[in-house]
PDB file of all heavy atoms in Angstrom:
ATOM      1  N   GLY A   1      45.692  63.261 -60.962  1.00  0.00           N
ATOM      2  CA  GLY A   1      44.984  64.402 -60.410  1.00  0.00           C
ATOM      3  C   GLY A   1      43.480  64.296 -60.527  1.00  0.00           C
ATOM      4  O   GLY A   1      42.750  65.172 -60.056  1.00  0.00           O
ATOM      5  N   PHE A   2      43.008  63.237 -61.177  1.00  0.00           N
ATOM      6  CA  PHE A   2      41.555  63.046 -61.292  1.00  0.00           C
ATOM      7  C   PHE A   2      41.189  61.678 -60.748  1.00  0.00           C
ATOM      8  O   PHE A   2      41.765  60.678 -61.158  1.00  0.00           O
ATOM      9  CB  PHE A   2      41.093  63.150 -62.743  1.00  0.00           C
ATOM     10  CG  PHE A   2      41.244  64.535 -63.316  1.00  0.00           C
ATOM     11  CD1 PHE A   2      42.404  64.899 -63.985  1.00  0.00           C
ATOM     12  CD2 PHE A   2      40.233  65.469 -63.174  1.00  0.00           C
ATOM     13  CE1 PHE A   2      42.558  66.173 -64.506  1.00  0.00           C
ATOM     14  CE2 PHE A   2      40.380  66.746 -63.697  1.00  0.00           C
ATOM     15  CZ  PHE A   2      41.551  67.104 -64.362  1.00  0.00           C
ATOM     16  N   THR A   3      40.230  61.606 -59.832  1.00  0.00           N
ATOM     17  CA  THR A   3      39.794  60.312 -59.324  1.00  0.00           C
ATOM     18  C   THR A   3      38.348  60.074 -59.734  1.00  0.00           C
ATOM     19  O   THR A   3      37.528  60.994 -59.737  1.00  0.00           O
ATOM     20  CB  THR A   3      39.887  60.252 -57.781  1.00  0.00           C
ATOM     21  OG1 THR A   3      39.242  61.410 -57.252  1.00  0.00           O
ATOM     22  CG2 THR A   3      41.322  60.210 -57.315  1.00  0.00           C
ATOM     23  N   GLU A   4      38.068  58.812 -60.091  1.00  0.00           N
ATOM     24  CA  GLU A   4      36.709  58.455 -60.516  1.00  0.00           C
ATOM     25  C   GLU A   4      35.795  58.524 -59.295  1.00  0.00           C
ATOM     26  O   GLU A   4      36.009  57.839 -58.304  1.00  0.00           O
ATOM     27  CB  GLU A   4      36.720  57.040 -61.097  1.00  0.00           C
ATOM     28  CG  GLU A   4      35.419  56.642 -61.747  1.00  0.00           C
ATOM     29  CD  GLU A   4      35.440  55.194 -62.254  1.00  0.00           C
ATOM     30  OE1 GLU A   4      36.186  54.892 -63.205  1.00  0.00           O
ATOM     31  OE2 GLU A   4      34.717  54.386 -61.662  1.00  0.00           O
ATOM     32  N   GLN A   5      34.794  59.375 -59.398  1.00  0.00           N
ATOM     33  CA  GLN A   5      33.869  59.585 -58.292  1.00  0.00           C
ATOM     34  C   GLN A   5      32.687  58.618 -58.406  1.00  0.00           C
ATOM     35  O   GLN A   5      32.421  57.845 -57.508  1.00  0.00           O
ATOM     36  CB  GLN A   5      33.365  61.038 -58.347  1.00  0.00           C
ATOM     37  CG  GLN A   5      32.577  61.474 -57.142  1.00  0.00           C
ATOM     38  CD  GLN A   5      33.509  61.878 -55.995  1.00  0.00           C
ATOM     39  OE1 GLN A   5      34.711  61.917 -56.158  1.00  0.00           O
ATOM     40  NE2 GLN A   5      32.941  62.152 -54.852  1.00  0.00           N
ATOM     41  N   THR A   6      31.987  58.689 -59.522  1.00  0.00           N
ATOM     42  CA  THR A   6      30.883  57.751 -59.762  1.00  0.00           C
ATOM     43  C   THR A   6      30.912  57.302 -61.209  1.00  0.00           C
ATOM     44  O   THR A   6      31.378  58.020 -62.097  1.00  0.00           O
ATOM     45  CB  THR A   6      29.489  58.379 -59.499  1.00  0.00           C
ATOM     46  OG1 THR A   6      29.355  59.520 -60.331  1.00  0.00           O
ATOM     47  CG2 THR A   6      29.294  58.749 -58.046  1.00  0.00           C
ATOM     48  N   LEU A   7      30.413  56.102 -61.396  1.00  0.00           N
ATOM     49  CA  LEU A   7      30.288  55.534 -62.738  1.00  0.00           C
ATOM     50  C   LEU A   7      28.884  54.964 -62.812  1.00  0.00           C
ATOM     51  O   LEU A   7      28.453  54.249 -61.904  1.00  0.00           O
ATOM     52  CB  LEU A   7      31.347  54.442 -62.920  1.00  0.00           C
ATOM     53  CG  LEU A   7      31.038  53.231 -63.796  1.00  0.00           C
ATOM     54  CD1 LEU A   7      30.871  53.638 -65.234  1.00  0.00           C
ATOM     55  CD2 LEU A   7      32.151  52.208 -63.681  1.00  0.00           C
ATOM     56  N   SER A   8      28.141  55.325 -63.831  1.00  0.00           N
ATOM     57  CA  SER A   8      26.785  54.779 -63.924  1.00  0.00           C
ATOM     58  C   SER A   8      26.434  54.428 -65.365  1.00  0.00           C
ATOM     59  O   SER A   8      26.972  55.000 -66.307  1.00  0.00           O
ATOM     60  CB  SER A   8      25.754  55.768 -63.371  1.00  0.00           C
ATOM     61  OG  SER A   8      25.710  56.914 -64.188  1.00  0.00           O
ATOM     62  N   TRP A   9      25.564  53.456 -65.479  1.00  0.00           N
ATOM     63  CA  TRP A   9      25.005  53.060 -66.778  1.00  0.00           C
ATOM     64  C   TRP A   9      23.493  53.224 -66.682  1.00  0.00           C
ATOM     65  O   TRP A   9      22.872  52.750 -65.720  1.00  0.00           O
ATOM     66  CB  TRP A   9      25.328  51.597 -67.086  1.00  0.00           C
ATOM     67  CG  TRP A   9      26.662  51.389 -67.732  1.00  0.00           C
ATOM     68  CD1 TRP A   9      27.832  51.083 -67.111  1.00  0.00           C
ATOM     69  CD2 TRP A   9      26.960  51.468 -69.137  1.00  0.00           C
ATOM     70  NE1 TRP A   9      28.845  50.955 -68.041  1.00  0.00           N
ATOM     71  CE2 TRP A   9      28.338  51.188 -69.287  1.00  0.00           C
ATOM     72  CE3 TRP A   9      26.195  51.745 -70.277  1.00  0.00           C
ATOM     73  CZ2 TRP A   9      28.977  51.174 -70.530  1.00  0.00           C
ATOM     74  CZ3 TRP A   9      26.818  51.725 -71.513  1.00  0.00           C
ATOM     75  CH2 TRP A   9      28.188  51.452 -71.637  1.00  0.00           C
ATOM     76  N   SER A  10      22.912  53.895 -67.688  1.00  0.00           N
ATOM     77  CA  SER A  10      21.452  54.018 -67.708  1.00  0.00           C
ATOM     78  C   SER A  10      20.952  53.568 -69.078  1.00  0.00           C
ATOM     79  O   SER A  10      21.709  53.513 -70.043  1.00  0.00           O
ATOM     80  CB  SER A  10      21.029  55.460 -67.429  1.00  0.00           C
ATOM     81  OG  SER A  10      21.634  56.324 -68.366  1.00  0.00           O
ATOM     82  N   VAL A  11      19.663  53.236 -69.133  1.00  0.00           N
ATOM     83  CA  VAL A  11      19.068  52.803 -70.402  1.00  0.00           C
ATOM     84  C   VAL A  11      17.836  53.647 -70.679  1.00  0.00           C
ATOM     85  O   VAL A  11      17.071  53.964 -69.769  1.00  0.00           O
ATOM     86  CB  VAL A  11      18.710  51.286 -70.377  1.00  0.00           C
ATOM     87  CG1 VAL A  11      17.706  50.956 -69.278  1.00  0.00           C
ATOM     88  CG2 VAL A  11      18.178  50.821 -71.737  1.00  0.00           C
ATOM     89  N   GLU A  12      17.685  54.029 -71.943  1.00  0.00           N
ATOM     90  CA  GLU A  12      16.497  54.785 -72.348  1.00  0.00           C
ATOM     91  C   GLU A  12      15.683  53.918 -73.292  1.00  0.00           C
ATOM     92  O   GLU A  12      16.170  53.451 -74.317  1.00  0.00           O
ATOM     93  CB  GLU A  12      16.896  56.090 -73.059  1.00  0.00           C
ATOM     94  CG  GLU A  12      15.688  56.943 -73.408  1.00  0.00           C
ATOM     95  CD  GLU A  12      15.917  57.820 -74.641  1.00  0.00           C
ATOM     96  OE1 GLU A  12      17.076  58.129 -74.951  1.00  0.00           O
ATOM     97  OE2 GLU A  12      14.911  58.169 -75.294  1.00  0.00           O
ATOM     98  N   ARG A  13      14.433  53.687 -72.897  1.00  0.00           N
ATOM     99  CA  ARG A  13      13.502  52.909 -73.714  1.00  0.00           C
ATOM    100  C   ARG A  13      12.148  53.574 -73.620  1.00  0.00           C
ATOM    101  O   ARG A  13      11.702  53.919 -72.528  1.00  0.00           O
ATOM    102  CB  ARG A  13      13.369  51.468 -73.187  1.00  0.00           C
ATOM    103  CG  ARG A  13      14.442  50.526 -73.662  1.00  0.00           C
ATOM    104  CD  ARG A  13      14.097  49.091 -73.317  1.00  0.00           C
ATOM    105  NE  ARG A  13      12.994  48.603 -74.131  1.00  0.00           N
ATOM    106  CZ  ARG A  13      11.846  48.169 -73.635  1.00  0.00           C
ATOM    107  NH1 ARG A  13      11.623  48.155 -72.349  1.00  0.00           N
ATOM    108  NH2 ARG A  13      10.907  47.739 -74.442  1.00  0.00           N
ATOM    109  N   ASP A  14      11.473  53.730 -74.748  1.00  0.00           N
ATOM    110  CA  ASP A  14      10.123  54.317 -74.764  1.00  0.00           C
ATOM    111  C   ASP A  14      10.099  55.647 -73.998  1.00  0.00           C
ATOM    112  O   ASP A  14       9.197  55.899 -73.195  1.00  0.00           O
ATOM    113  CB  ASP A  14       9.092  53.344 -74.150  1.00  0.00           C
ATOM    114  CG  ASP A  14       9.221  51.947 -74.721  1.00  0.00           C
ATOM    115  OD1 ASP A  14       9.506  51.842 -75.930  1.00  0.00           O
ATOM    116  OD2 ASP A  14       9.062  50.973 -73.978  1.00  0.00           O
ATOM    117  N   PHE A  15      11.107  56.480 -74.249  1.00  0.00           N
ATOM    118  CA  PHE A  15      11.182  57.840 -73.695  1.00  0.00           C
ATOM    119  C   PHE A  15      11.329  57.895 -72.177  1.00  0.00           C
ATOM    120  O   PHE A  15      11.142  58.940 -71.584  1.00  0.00           O
ATOM    121  CB  PHE A  15       9.971  58.682 -74.141  1.00  0.00           C
ATOM    122  CG  PHE A  15       9.778  58.662 -75.626  1.00  0.00           C
ATOM    123  CD1 PHE A  15       8.759  57.924 -76.201  1.00  0.00           C
ATOM    124  CD2 PHE A  15      10.655  59.341 -76.462  1.00  0.00           C
ATOM    125  CE1 PHE A  15       8.597  57.876 -77.587  1.00  0.00           C
ATOM    126  CE2 PHE A  15      10.505  59.301 -77.850  1.00  0.00           C
ATOM    127  CZ  PHE A  15       9.479  58.578 -78.406  1.00  0.00           C
ATOM    128  N   THR A  16      11.635  56.772 -71.530  1.00  0.00           N
ATOM    129  CA  THR A  16      11.929  56.840 -70.101  1.00  0.00           C
ATOM    130  C   THR A  16      13.354  56.342 -69.893  1.00  0.00           C
ATOM    131  O   THR A  16      13.792  55.393 -70.542  1.00  0.00           O
ATOM    132  CB  THR A  16      10.972  55.974 -69.257  1.00  0.00           C
ATOM    133  OG1 THR A  16      11.048  54.629 -69.735  1.00  0.00           O
ATOM    134  CG2 THR A  16       9.547  56.465 -69.339  1.00  0.00           C
ATOM    135  N   THR A  17      14.071  57.006 -68.995  1.00  0.00           N
ATOM    136  CA  THR A  17      15.453  56.641 -68.707  1.00  0.00           C
ATOM    137  C   THR A  17      15.546  56.087 -67.295  1.00  0.00           C
ATOM    138  O   THR A  17      15.001  56.675 -66.355  1.00  0.00           O
ATOM    139  CB  THR A  17      16.367  57.875 -68.848  1.00  0.00           C
ATOM    140  OG1 THR A  17      16.238  58.377 -70.181  1.00  0.00           O
ATOM    141  CG2 THR A  17      17.824  57.501 -68.610  1.00  0.00           C
ATOM    142  N   SER A  18      16.197  54.951 -67.147  1.00  0.00           N
ATOM    143  CA  SER A  18      16.376  54.341 -65.824  1.00  0.00           C
ATOM    144  C   SER A  18      17.845  53.984 -65.643  1.00  0.00           C
ATOM    145  O   SER A  18      18.495  53.527 -66.579  1.00  0.00           O
ATOM    146  CB  SER A  18      15.569  53.052 -65.689  1.00  0.00           C
ATOM    147  OG  SER A  18      14.368  53.121 -66.403  1.00  0.00           O
ATOM    148  N   THR A  19      18.341  54.160 -64.426  1.00  0.00           N
ATOM    149  CA  THR A  19      19.716  53.772 -64.130  1.00  0.00           C
ATOM    150  C   THR A  19      19.762  52.275 -63.831  1.00  0.00           C
ATOM    151  O   THR A  19      18.963  51.764 -63.065  1.00  0.00           O
ATOM    152  CB  THR A  19      20.248  54.563 -62.913  1.00  0.00           C
ATOM    153  OG1 THR A  19      20.141  55.949 -63.209  1.00  0.00           O
ATOM    154  CG2 THR A  19      21.702  54.228 -62.640  1.00  0.00           C
ATOM    155  N   ILE A  20      20.697  51.595 -64.509  1.00  0.00           N
ATOM    156  CA  ILE A  20      20.851  50.154 -64.317  1.00  0.00           C
ATOM    157  C   ILE A  20      21.895  49.873 -63.247  1.00  0.00           C
ATOM    158  O   ILE A  20      21.689  49.091 -62.342  1.00  0.00           O
ATOM    159  CB  ILE A  20      21.379  49.485 -65.619  1.00  0.00           C
ATOM    160  CG1 ILE A  20      20.467  49.762 -66.789  1.00  0.00           C
ATOM    161  CG2 ILE A  20      21.573  47.992 -65.423  1.00  0.00           C
ATOM    162  CD1 ILE A  20      21.087  49.323 -68.102  1.00  0.00           C
ATOM    163  N   PHE A  21      23.055  50.541 -63.417  1.00  0.00           N
ATOM    164  CA  PHE A  21      24.226  50.201 -62.616  1.00  0.00           C
ATOM    165  C   PHE A  21      24.869  51.478 -62.103  1.00  0.00           C
ATOM    166  O   PHE A  21      24.948  52.466 -62.821  1.00  0.00           O
ATOM    167  CB  PHE A  21      25.218  49.433 -63.497  1.00  0.00           C
ATOM    168  CG  PHE A  21      26.520  49.070 -62.819  1.00  0.00           C
ATOM    169  CD1 PHE A  21      26.677  47.844 -62.203  1.00  0.00           C
ATOM    170  CD2 PHE A  21      27.591  49.967 -62.803  1.00  0.00           C
ATOM    171  CE1 PHE A  21      27.876  47.504 -61.585  1.00  0.00           C
ATOM    172  CE2 PHE A  21      28.778  49.641 -62.179  1.00  0.00           C
ATOM    173  CZ  PHE A  21      28.927  48.403 -61.568  1.00  0.00           C
ATOM    174  N   ARG A  22      25.316  51.449 -60.846  1.00  0.00           N
ATOM    175  CA  ARG A  22      26.016  52.608 -60.293  1.00  0.00           C
ATOM    176  C   ARG A  22      27.160  52.127 -59.410  1.00  0.00           C
ATOM    177  O   ARG A  22      26.977  51.247 -58.575  1.00  0.00           O
ATOM    178  CB  ARG A  22      25.029  53.449 -59.479  1.00  0.00           C
ATOM    179  CG  ARG A  22      25.633  54.714 -58.886  1.00  0.00           C
ATOM    180  CD  ARG A  22      24.583  55.427 -58.038  1.00  0.00           C
ATOM    181  NE  ARG A  22      25.205  56.388 -57.146  1.00  0.00           N
ATOM    182  CZ  ARG A  22      25.397  57.665 -57.453  1.00  0.00           C
ATOM    183  NH1 ARG A  22      25.033  58.114 -58.639  1.00  0.00           N
ATOM    184  NH2 ARG A  22      25.973  58.483 -56.593  1.00  0.00           N
ATOM    185  N   ARG A  23      28.331  52.702 -59.640  1.00  0.00           N
ATOM    186  CA  ARG A  23      29.489  52.396 -58.799  1.00  0.00           C
ATOM    187  C   ARG A  23      29.941  53.691 -58.134  1.00  0.00           C
ATOM    188  O   ARG A  23      30.191  54.672 -58.820  1.00  0.00           O
ATOM    189  CB  ARG A  23      30.625  51.814 -59.641  1.00  0.00           C
ATOM    190  CG  ARG A  23      31.927  51.615 -58.851  1.00  0.00           C
ATOM    191  CD  ARG A  23      33.009  50.965 -59.702  1.00  0.00           C
ATOM    192  NE  ARG A  23      32.679  49.567 -59.988  1.00  0.00           N
ATOM    193  CZ  ARG A  23      33.316  48.828 -60.905  1.00  0.00           C
ATOM    194  NH1 ARG A  23      34.274  49.368 -61.630  1.00  0.00           N
ATOM    195  NH2 ARG A  23      32.966  47.566 -61.096  1.00  0.00           N
ATOM    196  N   ASP A  24      29.999  53.683 -56.792  1.00  0.00           N
ATOM    197  CA  ASP A  24      30.490  54.850 -56.063  1.00  0.00           C
ATOM    198  C   ASP A  24      31.286  54.373 -54.859  1.00  0.00           C
ATOM    199  O   ASP A  24      31.668  53.198 -54.791  1.00  0.00           O
ATOM    200  CB  ASP A  24      29.334  55.786 -55.652  1.00  0.00           C
ATOM    201  CG  ASP A  24      28.254  55.047 -54.880  1.00  0.00           C
ATOM    202  OD1 ASP A  24      28.578  54.057 -54.197  1.00  0.00           O
ATOM    203  OD2 ASP A  24      27.076  55.452 -54.962  1.00  0.00           O
ATOM    204  N   ASP A  25      31.538  55.270 -53.897  1.00  0.00           N
ATOM    205  CA  ASP A  25      32.350  54.905 -52.729  1.00  0.00           C
ATOM    206  C   ASP A  25      31.778  53.713 -51.976  1.00  0.00           C
ATOM    207  O   ASP A  25      32.497  52.975 -51.316  1.00  0.00           O
ATOM    208  CB  ASP A  25      32.447  56.095 -51.756  1.00  0.00           C
ATOM    209  CG  ASP A  25      33.148  57.271 -52.409  1.00  0.00           C
ATOM    210  OD1 ASP A  25      33.849  57.039 -53.418  1.00  0.00           O
ATOM    211  OD2 ASP A  25      32.999  58.403 -51.929  1.00  0.00           O
ATOM    212  N   SER A  26      30.455  53.546 -52.041  1.00  0.00           N
ATOM    213  CA  SER A  26      29.838  52.463 -51.252  1.00  0.00           C
ATOM    214  C   SER A  26      29.806  51.137 -52.004  1.00  0.00           C
ATOM    215  O   SER A  26      29.260  50.161 -51.508  1.00  0.00           O
ATOM    216  CB  SER A  26      28.429  52.876 -50.827  1.00  0.00           C
ATOM    217  OG  SER A  26      27.612  53.035 -51.967  1.00  0.00           O
ATOM    218  N   GLY A  27      30.341  51.096 -53.233  1.00  0.00           N
ATOM    219  CA  GLY A  27      30.395  49.828 -53.958  1.00  0.00           C
ATOM    220  C   GLY A  27      29.583  49.835 -55.240  1.00  0.00           C
ATOM    221  O   GLY A  27      29.250  50.886 -55.775  1.00  0.00           O
ATOM    222  N   ASP A  28      29.280  48.622 -55.717  1.00  0.00           N
ATOM    223  CA  ASP A  28      28.520  48.452 -56.960  1.00  0.00           C
ATOM    224  C   ASP A  28      27.060  48.199 -56.642  1.00  0.00           C
ATOM    225  O   ASP A  28      26.742  47.399 -55.764  1.00  0.00           O
ATOM    226  CB  ASP A  28      29.050  47.238 -57.747  1.00  0.00           C
ATOM    227  CG  ASP A  28      30.410  47.524 -58.378  1.00  0.00           C
ATOM    228  OD1 ASP A  28      30.951  48.628 -58.125  1.00  0.00           O
ATOM    229  OD2 ASP A  28      30.924  46.662 -59.103  1.00  0.00           O
ATOM    230  N   HIS A  29      26.178  48.872 -57.363  1.00  0.00           N
ATOM    231  CA  HIS A  29      24.739  48.706 -57.129  1.00  0.00           C
ATOM    232  C   HIS A  29      24.034  48.464 -58.455  1.00  0.00           C
ATOM    233  O   HIS A  29      24.231  49.215 -59.399  1.00  0.00           O
ATOM    234  CB  HIS A  29      24.153  49.955 -56.462  1.00  0.00           C
ATOM    235  CG  HIS A  29      24.932  50.395 -55.265  1.00  0.00           C
ATOM    236  ND1 HIS A  29      24.801  49.794 -54.033  1.00  0.00           N
ATOM    237  CD2 HIS A  29      25.892  51.341 -55.122  1.00  0.00           C
ATOM    238  CE1 HIS A  29      25.637  50.361 -53.176  1.00  0.00           C
ATOM    239  NE2 HIS A  29      26.316  51.306 -53.804  1.00  0.00           N
ATOM    240  N   ILE A  30      23.219  47.402 -58.499  1.00  0.00           N
ATOM    241  CA  ILE A  30      22.384  47.166 -59.683  1.00  0.00           C
ATOM    242  C   ILE A  30      20.980  47.598 -59.301  1.00  0.00           C
ATOM    243  O   ILE A  30      20.366  47.039 -58.395  1.00  0.00           O
ATOM    244  CB  ILE A  30      22.461  45.693 -60.137  1.00  0.00           C
ATOM    245  CG1 ILE A  30      23.883  45.409 -60.637  1.00  0.00           C
ATOM    246  CG2 ILE A  30      21.455  45.424 -61.250  1.00  0.00           C
ATOM    247  CD1 ILE A  30      24.191  43.960 -60.863  1.00  0.00           C
ATOM    248  N   LEU A  31      20.502  48.649 -59.968  1.00  0.00           N
ATOM    249  CA  LEU A  31      19.285  49.318 -59.512  1.00  0.00           C
ATOM    250  C   LEU A  31      18.019  48.806 -60.195  1.00  0.00           C
ATOM    251  O   LEU A  31      16.925  49.077 -59.726  1.00  0.00           O
ATOM    252  CB  LEU A  31      19.423  50.833 -59.745  1.00  0.00           C
ATOM    253  CG  LEU A  31      20.671  51.444 -59.080  1.00  0.00           C
ATOM    254  CD1 LEU A  31      20.834  52.894 -59.474  1.00  0.00           C
ATOM    255  CD2 LEU A  31      20.592  51.323 -57.574  1.00  0.00           C
ATOM    256  N   LEU A  32      18.171  48.108 -61.308  1.00  0.00           N
ATOM    257  CA  LEU A  32      16.972  47.586 -61.982  1.00  0.00           C
ATOM    258  C   LEU A  32      16.939  46.074 -61.780  1.00  0.00           C
ATOM    259  O   LEU A  32      17.856  45.370 -62.201  1.00  0.00           O
ATOM    260  CB  LEU A  32      17.002  47.894 -63.479  1.00  0.00           C
ATOM    261  CG  LEU A  32      16.535  49.274 -63.926  1.00  0.00           C
ATOM    262  CD1 LEU A  32      16.468  49.334 -65.449  1.00  0.00           C
ATOM    263  CD2 LEU A  32      15.172  49.626 -63.360  1.00  0.00           C
ATOM    264  N   SER A  33      15.872  45.591 -61.156  1.00  0.00           N
ATOM    265  CA  SER A  33      15.839  44.163 -60.806  1.00  0.00           C
ATOM    266  C   SER A  33      15.924  43.259 -62.029  1.00  0.00           C
ATOM    267  O   SER A  33      16.462  42.164 -61.948  1.00  0.00           O
ATOM    268  CB  SER A  33      14.581  43.843 -60.006  1.00  0.00           C
ATOM    269  OG  SER A  33      13.444  44.180 -60.750  1.00  0.00           O
ATOM    270  N   LYS A  34      15.402  43.719 -63.195  1.00  0.00           N
ATOM    271  CA  LYS A  34      15.439  42.817 -64.352  1.00  0.00           C
ATOM    272  C   LYS A  34      16.863  42.603 -64.880  1.00  0.00           C
ATOM    273  O   LYS A  34      17.095  41.725 -65.692  1.00  0.00           O
ATOM    274  CB  LYS A  34      14.508  43.303 -65.466  1.00  0.00           C
ATOM    275  CG  LYS A  34      14.963  44.527 -66.216  1.00  0.00           C
ATOM    276  CD  LYS A  34      14.014  44.822 -67.380  1.00  0.00           C
ATOM    277  CE  LYS A  34      14.598  45.882 -68.289  1.00  0.00           C
ATOM    278  NZ  LYS A  34      14.624  45.517 -69.680  1.00  0.00           N
ATOM    279  N   PHE A  35      17.820  43.421 -64.387  1.00  0.00           N
ATOM    280  CA  PHE A  35      19.214  43.235 -64.797  1.00  0.00           C
ATOM    281  C   PHE A  35      20.048  42.544 -63.726  1.00  0.00           C
ATOM    282  O   PHE A  35      21.222  42.284 -63.927  1.00  0.00           O
ATOM    283  CB  PHE A  35      19.856  44.586 -65.136  1.00  0.00           C
ATOM    284  CG  PHE A  35      19.399  45.151 -66.455  1.00  0.00           C
ATOM    285  CD1 PHE A  35      18.490  46.186 -66.505  1.00  0.00           C
ATOM    286  CD2 PHE A  35      19.881  44.631 -67.654  1.00  0.00           C
ATOM    287  CE1 PHE A  35      18.067  46.708 -67.721  1.00  0.00           C
ATOM    288  CE2 PHE A  35      19.462  45.139 -68.872  1.00  0.00           C
ATOM    289  CZ  PHE A  35      18.556  46.184 -68.909  1.00  0.00           C
ATOM    290  N   ARG A  36      19.434  42.249 -62.585  1.00  0.00           N
ATOM    291  CA  ARG A  36      20.198  41.639 -61.505  1.00  0.00           C
ATOM    292  C   ARG A  36      20.754  40.288 -61.953  1.00  0.00           C
ATOM    293  O   ARG A  36      20.073  39.547 -62.636  1.00  0.00           O
ATOM    294  CB  ARG A  36      19.296  41.459 -60.277  1.00  0.00           C
ATOM    295  CG  ARG A  36      20.086  41.564 -58.986  1.00  0.00           C
ATOM    296  CD  ARG A  36      19.254  42.144 -57.869  1.00  0.00           C
ATOM    297  NE  ARG A  36      19.234  43.607 -57.895  1.00  0.00           N
ATOM    298  CZ  ARG A  36      18.259  44.341 -57.347  1.00  0.00           C
ATOM    299  NH1 ARG A  36      17.243  43.745 -56.769  1.00  0.00           N
ATOM    300  NH2 ARG A  36      18.309  45.648 -57.384  1.00  0.00           N
ATOM    301  N   ASP A  37      21.994  40.008 -61.580  1.00  0.00           N
ATOM    302  CA  ASP A  37      22.682  38.767 -61.973  1.00  0.00           C
ATOM    303  C   ASP A  37      22.974  38.685 -63.469  1.00  0.00           C
ATOM    304  O   ASP A  37      23.428  37.661 -63.955  1.00  0.00           O
ATOM    305  CB  ASP A  37      21.880  37.507 -61.572  1.00  0.00           C
ATOM    306  CG  ASP A  37      21.580  37.482 -60.084  1.00  0.00           C
ATOM    307  OD1 ASP A  37      22.450  37.915 -59.317  1.00  0.00           O
ATOM    308  OD2 ASP A  37      20.486  37.036 -59.708  1.00  0.00           O
ATOM    309  N   ARG A  38      22.677  39.780 -64.219  1.00  0.00           N
ATOM    310  CA  ARG A  38      22.935  39.709 -65.665  1.00  0.00           C
ATOM    311  C   ARG A  38      23.920  40.771 -66.137  1.00  0.00           C
ATOM    312  O   ARG A  38      24.385  40.704 -67.265  1.00  0.00           O
ATOM    313  CB  ARG A  38      21.628  39.885 -66.462  1.00  0.00           C
ATOM    314  CG  ARG A  38      20.621  38.771 -66.250  1.00  0.00           C
ATOM    315  CD  ARG A  38      19.621  38.722 -67.383  1.00  0.00           C
ATOM    316  NE  ARG A  38      18.815  39.909 -67.490  1.00  0.00           N
ATOM    317  CZ  ARG A  38      18.680  40.620 -68.622  1.00  0.00           C
ATOM    318  NH1 ARG A  38      19.309  40.269 -69.709  1.00  0.00           N
ATOM    319  NH2 ARG A  38      17.907  41.688 -68.643  1.00  0.00           N
ATOM    320  N   VAL A  39      24.187  41.795 -65.305  1.00  0.00           N
ATOM    321  CA  VAL A  39      25.108  42.845 -65.744  1.00  0.00           C
ATOM    322  C   VAL A  39      26.300  42.965 -64.804  1.00  0.00           C
ATOM    323  O   VAL A  39      26.188  42.691 -63.611  1.00  0.00           O
ATOM    324  CB  VAL A  39      24.420  44.232 -65.864  1.00  0.00           C
ATOM    325  CG1 VAL A  39      23.344  44.225 -66.927  1.00  0.00           C
ATOM    326  CG2 VAL A  39      23.879  44.700 -64.538  1.00  0.00           C
ATOM    327  N   SER A  40      27.445  43.357 -65.368  1.00  0.00           N
ATOM    328  CA  SER A  40      28.637  43.591 -64.548  1.00  0.00           C
ATOM    329  C   SER A  40      29.565  44.556 -65.270  1.00  0.00           C
ATOM    330  O   SER A  40      29.521  44.691 -66.492  1.00  0.00           O
ATOM    331  CB  SER A  40      29.357  42.275 -64.256  1.00  0.00           C
ATOM    332  OG  SER A  40      29.707  41.630 -65.465  1.00  0.00           O
ATOM    333  N   VAL A  41      30.388  45.239 -64.464  1.00  0.00           N
ATOM    334  CA  VAL A  41      31.403  46.157 -64.971  1.00  0.00           C
ATOM    335  C   VAL A  41      32.728  45.671 -64.382  1.00  0.00           C
ATOM    336  O   VAL A  41      32.761  45.311 -63.200  1.00  0.00           O
ATOM    337  CB  VAL A  41      31.098  47.610 -64.526  1.00  0.00           C
ATOM    338  CG1 VAL A  41      32.244  48.549 -64.895  1.00  0.00           C
ATOM    339  CG2 VAL A  41      29.794  48.102 -65.153  1.00  0.00           C
ATOM    340  N   PRO A  42      33.804  45.617 -65.202  1.00  0.00           N
ATOM    341  CA  PRO A  42      35.070  45.074 -64.682  1.00  0.00           C
ATOM    342  C   PRO A  42      35.507  45.786 -63.398  1.00  0.00           C
ATOM    343  O   PRO A  42      35.370  46.998 -63.280  1.00  0.00           O
ATOM    344  CB  PRO A  42      36.072  45.347 -65.811  1.00  0.00           C
ATOM    345  CG  PRO A  42      35.254  45.521 -67.033  1.00  0.00           C
ATOM    346  CD  PRO A  42      33.924  46.059 -66.599  1.00  0.00           C
ATOM    347  N   LYS A  43      36.015  44.996 -62.458  1.00  0.00           N
ATOM    348  CA  LYS A  43      36.570  45.554 -61.223  1.00  0.00           C
ATOM    349  C   LYS A  43      38.082  45.602 -61.362  1.00  0.00           C
ATOM    350  O   LYS A  43      38.659  44.808 -62.101  1.00  0.00           O
ATOM    351  CB  LYS A  43      36.215  44.649 -60.035  1.00  0.00           C
ATOM    352  CG  LYS A  43      34.831  44.884 -59.452  1.00  0.00           C
ATOM    353  CD  LYS A  43      34.699  44.040 -58.179  1.00  0.00           C
ATOM    354  CE  LYS A  43      33.508  44.465 -57.327  1.00  0.00           C
ATOM    355  NZ  LYS A  43      32.226  43.975 -57.834  1.00  0.00           N
TER     356      LYS A  43
END
């Protein structure tokens, strides 16, 4: 009865929070370039 709508990972450093990874209906998105090719979430 519950479907996963969005899944996101964010990081907080020096009082600023940025989203690294987001998974939604349109797929997986890595939003911070310094993490590109370095982060993944199991499919």
